[in-house]
C-alpha atoms as a PDB file:
ATOM      1  CA  MET A   1      -0.177   0.036  -0.208  1.00  0.00           C
ATOM      2  CA  GLY A   2       2.882   2.577   0.459  1.00  0.00           C
ATOM      3  CA  THR A   3       2.624   5.636   3.131  1.00  0.00           C
ATOM      4  CA  ASN A   4      -0.245   6.996   0.678  1.00  0.00           C
ATOM      5  CA  ASP A   5      -2.139   6.141  -2.697  1.00  0.00           C
ATOM      6  CA  THR A   6      -1.675   7.462  -5.884  1.00  0.00           C
ATOM      7  CA  THR A   7      -4.764   9.078  -6.484  1.00  0.00           C
ATOM      8  CA  SER A   8      -4.768  12.607  -7.241  1.00  0.00           C
ATOM      9  CA  ALA A   9      -6.420  14.742  -4.636  1.00  0.00           C
ATOM     10  CA  GLY A  10      -9.566  16.644  -6.121  1.00  0.00           C
ATOM     11  CA  ALA A  11      -9.197  14.645  -9.404  1.00  0.00           C
ATOM     12  CA  SER A  12     -12.542  14.161 -10.082  1.00  0.00           C
ATOM     13  CA  ALA A  13     -14.095  17.262  -8.907  1.00  0.00           C
ATOM     14  CA  GLN A  14     -11.398  18.805 -11.603  1.00  0.00           C
ATOM     15  CA  ARG A  15     -12.926  16.236 -14.377  1.00  0.00           C
ATOM     16  CA  GLU A  16     -16.487  17.507 -13.451  1.00  0.00           C
ATOM     17  CA  TYR A  17     -15.650  21.055 -13.798  1.00  0.00           C
ATOM     18  CA  ASP A  18     -14.223  20.125 -17.125  1.00  0.00           C
ATOM     19  CA  ARG A  19     -17.248  18.604 -18.057  1.00  0.00           C
ATOM     20  CA  ARG A  20     -19.343  21.293 -17.208  1.00  0.00           C
ATOM     21  CA  ARG A  21     -17.433  23.898 -18.904  1.00  0.00           C
ATOM     22  CA  ALA A  22     -17.206  21.637 -21.894  1.00  0.00           C
ATOM     23  CA  ARG A  23     -20.864  21.526 -21.557  1.00  0.00           C
ATOM     24  CA  ASP A  24     -21.414  25.207 -21.155  1.00  0.00           C
ATOM     25  CA  GLU A  25     -19.094  26.093 -23.997  1.00  0.00           C
ATOM     26  CA  ALA A  26     -21.275  24.088 -26.239  1.00  0.00           C
ATOM     27  CA  LYS A  27     -24.318  25.426 -25.346  1.00  0.00           C
ATOM     28  CA  ILE A  28     -23.172  28.604 -26.205  1.00  0.00           C
ATOM     29  CA  ARG A  29     -21.733  27.504 -29.529  1.00  0.00           C
ATOM     30  CA  GLU A  30     -25.147  26.261 -30.614  1.00  0.00           C
ATOM     31  CA  THR A  31     -26.790  29.618 -30.283  1.00  0.00           C
ATOM     32  CA  TRP A  32     -23.290  31.608 -31.860  1.00  0.00           C
ATOM     33  CA  GLY A  33     -21.960  28.974 -34.157  1.00  0.00           C
ATOM     34  CA  GLU A  34     -18.672  27.627 -34.526  1.00  0.00           C
ATOM     35  CA  GLY A  35     -17.005  30.032 -36.319  1.00  0.00           C
ATOM     36  CA  ARG A  36     -15.467  33.379 -34.771  1.00  0.00           C
ATOM     37  CA  LEU A  37     -18.583  34.968 -33.699  1.00  0.00           C
ATOM     38  CA  GLY A  38     -18.773  31.697 -31.110  1.00  0.00           C
ATOM     39  CA  THR A  39     -15.291  31.992 -30.291  1.00  0.00           C
ATOM     40  CA  MET A  40     -15.588  35.377 -29.363  1.00  0.00           C
ATOM     41  CA  ALA A  41     -19.088  34.784 -27.557  1.00  0.00           C
ATOM     42  CA  VAL A  42     -17.221  31.823 -25.429  1.00  0.00           C
ATOM     43  CA  ALA A  43     -14.209  34.053 -24.167  1.00  0.00           C
ATOM     44  CA  LEU A  44     -16.768  37.159 -23.165  1.00  0.00           C
ATOM     45  CA  SER A  45     -19.331  34.557 -21.083  1.00  0.00           C
ATOM     46  CA  SER A  46     -18.947  34.247 -17.940  1.00  0.00           C
ATOM     47  CA  GLU A  47     -18.783  30.732 -16.273  1.00  0.00           C
ATOM     48  CA  ARG A  48     -21.921  29.898 -14.339  1.00  0.00           C
ATOM     49  CA  GLN A  49     -21.619  29.735 -10.188  1.00  0.00           C
ATOM     50  CA  SER A  50     -22.540  25.960 -10.793  1.00  0.00           C
ATOM     51  CA  THR A  51     -19.382  25.195 -12.629  1.00  0.00           C
ATOM     52  CA  VAL A  52     -17.063  27.567 -11.184  1.00  0.00           C
ATOM     53  CA  ALA A  53     -17.811  25.874  -7.623  1.00  0.00           C
ATOM     54  CA  TRP A  54     -16.419  22.579  -9.203  1.00  0.00           C
ATOM     55  CA  LYS A  55     -13.084  23.843  -9.807  1.00  0.00           C
ATOM     56  CA  SER A  56     -12.830  25.657  -6.390  1.00  0.00           C
ATOM     57  CA  GLY A  57     -13.845  22.606  -5.148  1.00  0.00           C
ATOM     58  CA  ALA A  58     -11.055  20.753  -6.657  1.00  0.00           C
ATOM     59  CA  VAL A  59      -8.644  23.725  -5.761  1.00  0.00           C
ATOM     60  CA  GLY A  60      -9.236  22.922  -2.465  1.00  0.00           C
ATOM     61  CA  GLU A  61      -8.975  19.264  -2.456  1.00  0.00           C
ATOM     62  CA  ALA A  62      -5.686  19.273  -3.781  1.00  0.00           C
ATOM     63  CA  VAL A  63      -3.829  22.107  -1.644  1.00  0.00           C
ATOM     64  CA  VAL A  64      -5.113  19.946   1.410  1.00  0.00           C
ATOM     65  CA  GLY A  65      -4.298  16.791  -0.057  1.00  0.00           C
ATOM     66  CA  ARG A  66      -0.763  18.083  -0.674  1.00  0.00           C
ATOM     67  CA  THR A  67      -0.371  19.029   2.864  1.00  0.00           C
ATOM     68  CA  LEU A  68      -1.616  15.848   3.638  1.00  0.00           C
ATOM     69  CA  ASP A  69       0.730  14.088   1.710  1.00  0.00           C
ATOM     70  CA  ALA A  70       3.658  15.957   3.291  1.00  0.00           C
ATOM     71  CA  ILE A  71       3.070  14.025   6.884  1.00  0.00           C
ATOM     72  CA  ALA A  72       2.525  10.759   5.314  1.00  0.00           C
ATOM     73  CA  SER A  73       4.645   7.861   6.489  1.00  0.00           C
ATOM     74  CA  ASP A  74       4.081   4.158   7.339  1.00  0.00           C
ATOM     75  CA  ASP A  75       1.921   5.569  10.269  1.00  0.00           C
ATOM     76  CA  LEU A  76      -0.117   7.658   8.998  1.00  0.00           C
ATOM     77  CA  VAL A  77      -1.474   6.312   5.262  1.00  0.00           C
ATOM     78  CA  VAL A  78      -3.183   8.978   3.174  1.00  0.00           C
ATOM     79  CA  LEU A  79      -6.310   7.875   0.488  1.00  0.00           C
ATOM     80  CA  HIS A  80      -7.643  10.767  -1.620  1.00  0.00           C
ATOM     81  CA  ASP A  81     -11.039  10.909  -3.739  1.00  0.00           C
ATOM     82  CA  ARG A  82     -12.069   7.781  -2.441  1.00  0.00           C
ATOM     83  CA  ARG A  83     -15.857   7.004  -4.245  1.00  0.00           C
ATOM     84  CA  ILE A  84     -18.941   5.874  -1.645  1.00  0.00           C
ATOM     85  CA  PRO A  85     -19.964   2.747  -2.791  1.00  0.00           C
ATOM     86  CA  ARG A  86     -24.037   3.060  -4.736  1.00  0.00           C
ATOM     87  CA  SER A  87     -23.749   6.212  -4.576  1.00  0.00           C
ATOM     88  CA  ARG A  88     -22.463   9.773  -6.785  1.00  0.00           C
ATOM     89  CA  ALA A  89     -20.455  11.066  -4.018  1.00  0.00           C
ATOM     90  CA  ASN A  90     -17.029  10.749  -2.604  1.00  0.00           C
ATOM     91  CA  ILE A  91     -15.032  11.073   0.149  1.00  0.00           C
ATOM     92  CA  ASP A  92     -12.100  14.025  -0.537  1.00  0.00           C
ATOM     93  CA  HIS A  93      -9.271  12.250   1.863  1.00  0.00           C
ATOM     94  CA  ILE A  94      -9.381   9.800   4.548  1.00  0.00           C
ATOM     95  CA  ALA A  95      -6.178   9.870   7.142  1.00  0.00           C
ATOM     96  CA  VAL A  96      -5.422   6.538   8.852  1.00  0.00           C
ATOM     97  CA  THR A  97      -3.688   6.999  11.836  1.00  0.00           C
ATOM     98  CA  ARG A  98      -2.048   5.106  14.610  1.00  0.00           C
ATOM     99  CA  SER A  99      -4.833   6.272  16.872  1.00  0.00           C
ATOM    100  CA  GLY A 100      -7.524   5.538  14.165  1.00  0.00           C
ATOM    101  CA  VAL A 101      -9.125   6.988  11.208  1.00  0.00           C
ATOM    102  CA  TRP A 102      -9.968  10.627   9.870  1.00  0.00           C
ATOM    103  CA  VAL A 103     -12.287  11.154   7.663  1.00  0.00           C
ATOM    104  CA  ILE A 104     -11.619  14.969   5.796  1.00  0.00           C
ATOM    105  CA  ASP A 105     -13.891  17.125   4.015  1.00  0.00           C
ATOM    106  CA  ALA A 106     -12.118  20.020   1.989  1.00  0.00           C
ATOM    107  CA  LYS A 107     -13.856  23.414   1.038  1.00  0.00           C
ATOM    108  CA  ARG A 108     -12.824  26.155  -0.277  1.00  0.00           C
ATOM    109  CA  TYR A 109     -14.305  29.411   0.938  1.00  0.00           C
ATOM    110  CA  ARG A 110     -12.607  32.501   0.245  1.00  0.00           C
ATOM    111  CA  ASP A 111     -12.171  35.241   2.721  1.00  0.00           C
ATOM    112  CA  LYS A 112     -15.290  33.910   4.870  1.00  0.00           C
ATOM    113  CA  ARG A 113     -14.634  33.311   8.182  1.00  0.00           C
ATOM    114  CA  PRO A 114     -15.840  29.725   9.606  1.00  0.00           C
ATOM    115  CA  SER A 115     -17.834  30.371  13.300  1.00  0.00           C
ATOM    116  CA  LEU A 116     -20.006  28.110  15.269  1.00  0.00           C
ATOM    117  CA  ARG A 117     -23.285  29.413  16.404  1.00  0.00           C
ATOM    118  CA  VAL A 118     -25.241  27.757  19.360  1.00  0.00           C
ATOM    119  CA  GLU A 119     -28.654  28.298  19.727  1.00  0.00           C
ATOM    120  CA  GLY A 120     -31.344  27.146  22.245  1.00  0.00           C
ATOM    121  CA  GLY A 121     -30.218  25.984  25.644  1.00  0.00           C
ATOM    122  CA  LEU A 122     -32.468  26.261  28.996  1.00  0.00           C
ATOM    123  CA  PHE A 123     -35.926  26.056  27.811  1.00  0.00           C
ATOM    124  CA  ARG A 124     -34.936  24.619  24.134  1.00  0.00           C
ATOM    125  CA  PRO A 125     -32.768  22.070  22.406  1.00  0.00           C
ATOM    126  CA  ARG A 126     -29.522  23.103  22.251  1.00  0.00           C
ATOM    127  CA  VAL A 127     -28.364  23.438  18.430  1.00  0.00           C
ATOM    128  CA  GLU A 128     -25.031  23.981  16.788  1.00  0.00           C
ATOM    129  CA  LYS A 129     -24.650  25.989  13.314  1.00  0.00           C
ATOM    130  CA  LEU A 130     -21.619  26.167  11.225  1.00  0.00           C
ATOM    131  CA  MET A 131     -21.540  29.432   9.831  1.00  0.00           C
ATOM    132  CA  VAL A 132     -19.555  29.977   6.485  1.00  0.00           C
ATOM    133  CA  GLY A 133     -20.832  33.010   4.734  1.00  0.00           C
ATOM    134  CA  GLY A 134     -24.397  31.612   5.792  1.00  0.00           C
ATOM    135  CA  ASP A 135     -25.733  28.531   7.751  1.00  0.00           C
ATOM    136  CA  ARG A 136     -23.423  25.566   5.952  1.00  0.00           C
ATOM    137  CA  THR A 137     -24.533  22.751   8.856  1.00  0.00           C
ATOM    138  CA  ARG A 138     -25.293  20.392   6.343  1.00  0.00           C
ATOM    139  CA  LEU A 139     -21.320  20.378   5.656  1.00  0.00           C
ATOM    140  CA  VAL A 140     -21.344  18.874   8.860  1.00  0.00           C
ATOM    141  CA  ASP A 141     -23.978  16.564   8.288  1.00  0.00           C
ATOM    142  CA  SER A 142     -22.389  15.190   5.550  1.00  0.00           C
ATOM    143  CA  VAL A 143     -19.035  14.584   7.266  1.00  0.00           C
ATOM    144  CA  LEU A 144     -20.929  12.629   9.915  1.00  0.00           C
ATOM    145  CA  HIS A 145     -22.391  10.401   7.427  1.00  0.00           C
ATOM    146  CA  GLN A 146     -19.438   9.719   5.804  1.00  0.00           C
ATOM    147  CA  MET A 147     -17.768   8.963   9.256  1.00  0.00           C
ATOM    148  CA  GLN A 148     -20.748   6.522   9.987  1.00  0.00           C
ATOM    149  CA  LEU A 149     -19.824   4.477   6.529  1.00  0.00           C
ATOM    150  CA  VAL A 150     -16.243   4.358   7.187  1.00  0.00           C
ATOM    151  CA  HIS A 151     -17.180   3.572  10.776  1.00  0.00           C
ATOM    152  CA  GLU A 152     -19.103   0.216   9.885  1.00  0.00           C
ATOM    153  CA  LEU A 153     -16.374  -1.242   7.922  1.00  0.00           C
ATOM    154  CA  ILE A 154     -13.628  -0.612  10.051  1.00  0.00           C
ATOM    155  CA  ASP A 155     -15.046  -1.050  13.911  1.00  0.00           C
ATOM    156  CA  PRO A 156     -14.015  -1.118  16.709  1.00  0.00           C
ATOM    157  CA  VAL A 157     -11.512   1.418  15.247  1.00  0.00           C
ATOM    158  CA  PRO A 158     -12.405   4.688  16.009  1.00  0.00           C
ATOM    159  CA  VAL A 159     -13.554   7.180  13.301  1.00  0.00           C
ATOM    160  CA  SER A 160     -12.937  10.798  13.459  1.00  0.00           C
ATOM    161  CA  GLY A 161     -14.109  13.623  10.799  1.00  0.00           C
ATOM    162  CA  ALA A 162     -12.207  17.154   9.771  1.00  0.00           C
ATOM    163  CA  LEU A 163     -14.132  20.080   7.797  1.00  0.00           C
ATOM    164  CA  CYS A 164     -10.462  21.626   6.283  1.00  0.00           C
ATOM    165  CA  PHE A 165     -10.974  25.289   5.204  1.00  0.00           C
ATOM    166  CA  VAL A 166      -8.763  26.710   2.581  1.00  0.00           C
ATOM    167  CA  ASP A 167      -8.251  30.483   1.859  1.00  0.00           C
ATOM    168  CA  ALA A 168     -10.805  31.068   4.801  1.00  0.00           C
ATOM    169  CA  ASP A 169     -10.548  34.259   6.613  1.00  0.00           C
ATOM    170  CA  TRP A 170      -9.140  32.599  10.271  1.00  0.00           C
ATOM    171  CA  PRO A 171      -8.127  34.619  13.068  1.00  0.00           C
ATOM    172  CA  LEU A 172      -4.483  34.906  13.715  1.00  0.00           C
ATOM    173  CA  ILE A 173      -5.201  33.595  17.026  1.00  0.00           C
ATOM    174  CA  GLY A 174      -7.476  30.187  17.830  1.00  0.00           C
ATOM    175  CA  GLY A 175     -10.248  30.112  15.343  1.00  0.00           C
ATOM    176  CA  SER A 176     -10.648  25.977  14.840  1.00  0.00           C
ATOM    177  CA  PHE A 177     -13.278  24.425  16.933  1.00  0.00           C
ATOM    178  CA  SER A 178     -15.375  20.908  17.130  1.00  0.00           C
ATOM    179  CA  THR A 179     -18.836  21.111  16.459  1.00  0.00           C
ATOM    180  CA  ARG A 180     -20.766  17.699  17.199  1.00  0.00           C
ATOM    181  CA  GLY A 181     -17.857  15.843  17.034  1.00  0.00           C
ATOM    182  CA  VAL A 182     -16.232  17.346  13.689  1.00  0.00           C
ATOM    183  CA  GLU A 183     -13.029  19.405  13.980  1.00  0.00           C
ATOM    184  CA  VAL A 184     -13.543  22.169  12.122  1.00  0.00           C
ATOM    185  CA  CYS A 185      -9.605  23.497  10.823  1.00  0.00           C
ATOM    186  CA  TRP A 186      -7.264  24.820   8.239  1.00  0.00           C
ATOM    187  CA  PRO A 187      -4.864  22.294   6.219  1.00  0.00           C
ATOM    188  CA  LYS A 188      -2.023  22.843   8.716  1.00  0.00           C
ATOM    189  CA  LYS A 189      -3.715  22.979  12.061  1.00  0.00           C
ATOM    190  CA  LEU A 190      -5.618  19.629  10.549  1.00  0.00           C
ATOM    191  CA  ALA A 191      -1.393  18.248   9.825  1.00  0.00           C
ATOM    192  CA  LYS A 192      -0.027  19.014  12.991  1.00  0.00           C
ATOM    193  CA  ARG A 193      -3.244  17.282  14.553  1.00  0.00           C
ATOM    194  CA  LEU A 194      -2.712  14.044  13.086  1.00  0.00           C
ATOM    195  CA  THR A 195       0.799  13.884  13.765  1.00  0.00           C
ATOM    196  CA  SER A 196       0.534  14.752  16.964  1.00  0.00           C
ATOM    197  CA  LEU A 197      -1.232  11.114  17.600  1.00  0.00           C
ATOM    198  CA  ASP A 198      -0.488   7.951  18.931  1.00  0.00           C
ATOM    199  CA  GLY A 199      -2.251   4.543  19.547  1.00  0.00           C
ATOM    200  CA  GLN A 200      -1.890   1.028  18.647  1.00  0.00           C
ATOM    201  CA  VAL A 201      -4.189   0.779  15.506  1.00  0.00           C
ATOM    202  CA  ASP A 202      -2.717  -1.370  12.263  1.00  0.00           C
ATOM    203  CA  VAL A 203      -2.718   1.268   9.611  1.00  0.00           C
ATOM    204  CA  ALA A 204      -1.360  -0.727   7.099  1.00  0.00           C
ATOM    205  CA  ALA A 205      -4.264  -3.130   7.514  1.00  0.00           C
ATOM    206  CA  THR A 206      -6.581  -0.562   8.128  1.00  0.00           C
ATOM    207  CA  ALA A 207      -5.622   1.364   5.088  1.00  0.00           C
ATOM    208  CA  ALA A 208      -6.247  -1.449   2.664  1.00  0.00           C
ATOM    209  CA  ALA A 209      -9.352  -2.452   3.866  1.00  0.00           C
ATOM    210  CA  ILE A 210     -10.806   0.671   3.161  1.00  0.00           C
ATOM    211  CA  GLY A 211      -9.027   0.991  -0.029  1.00  0.00           C
ATOM    212  CA  GLN A 212     -10.723  -1.893  -1.033  1.00  0.00           C
ATOM    213  CA  ARG A 213     -14.079  -0.773  -0.081  1.00  0.00           C
ATOM    214  CA  PHE A 214     -13.935   2.882  -0.937  1.00  0.00           C
ATOM    215  CA  LEU A 215     -12.403   2.847  -4.131  1.00  0.00           C
ATOM    216  CA  PRO A 216     -10.692   5.673  -6.333  1.00  0.00           C
ATOM    217  CA  ALA A 217     -13.344   8.096  -7.492  1.00  0.00           C
END
């Protein structure tokens, strides 16, 4: 298995971006033709936000992937871009450490600050919301779902989760936090956390089992 797989982080997101951009360009050329006018129309047209989001996602996954690859070793195996069986979704990164497995979702929200909003309390149920330029709690829900899928495979090996934000407006001091058991941080913070862990998990065997179940996307 080696210290990390050869799957390129963000590869599936990049392929989806390329597919969508080609589709958008084809639609423009249907209107303006294949000649010079069509080429000018393509050059002057802004990319659809739904298309740009895939490009941004690919960049974020690649940044986190490089950070994780830099700390990979025999005791820390990294798997990138893994397909969830019977689903179109994928897991961005899986890090197998001596203390357990980490499911990592990379996100790129430029110049926006992740924060935790707590609602409810004494007379109402406590509700934690992830805020990143709006309510992004669904991102936590997604990581928790991915953690459960991995846990079902490797139980009793512990499974943790992280949302790793790239290019966010993190403060100079502090900033990272946890919500519902999911760590919210930036790439270097996550790398430092992972390299500080120790335990008795068989890293190679666990990574092999995960790799066989969650194939490259």
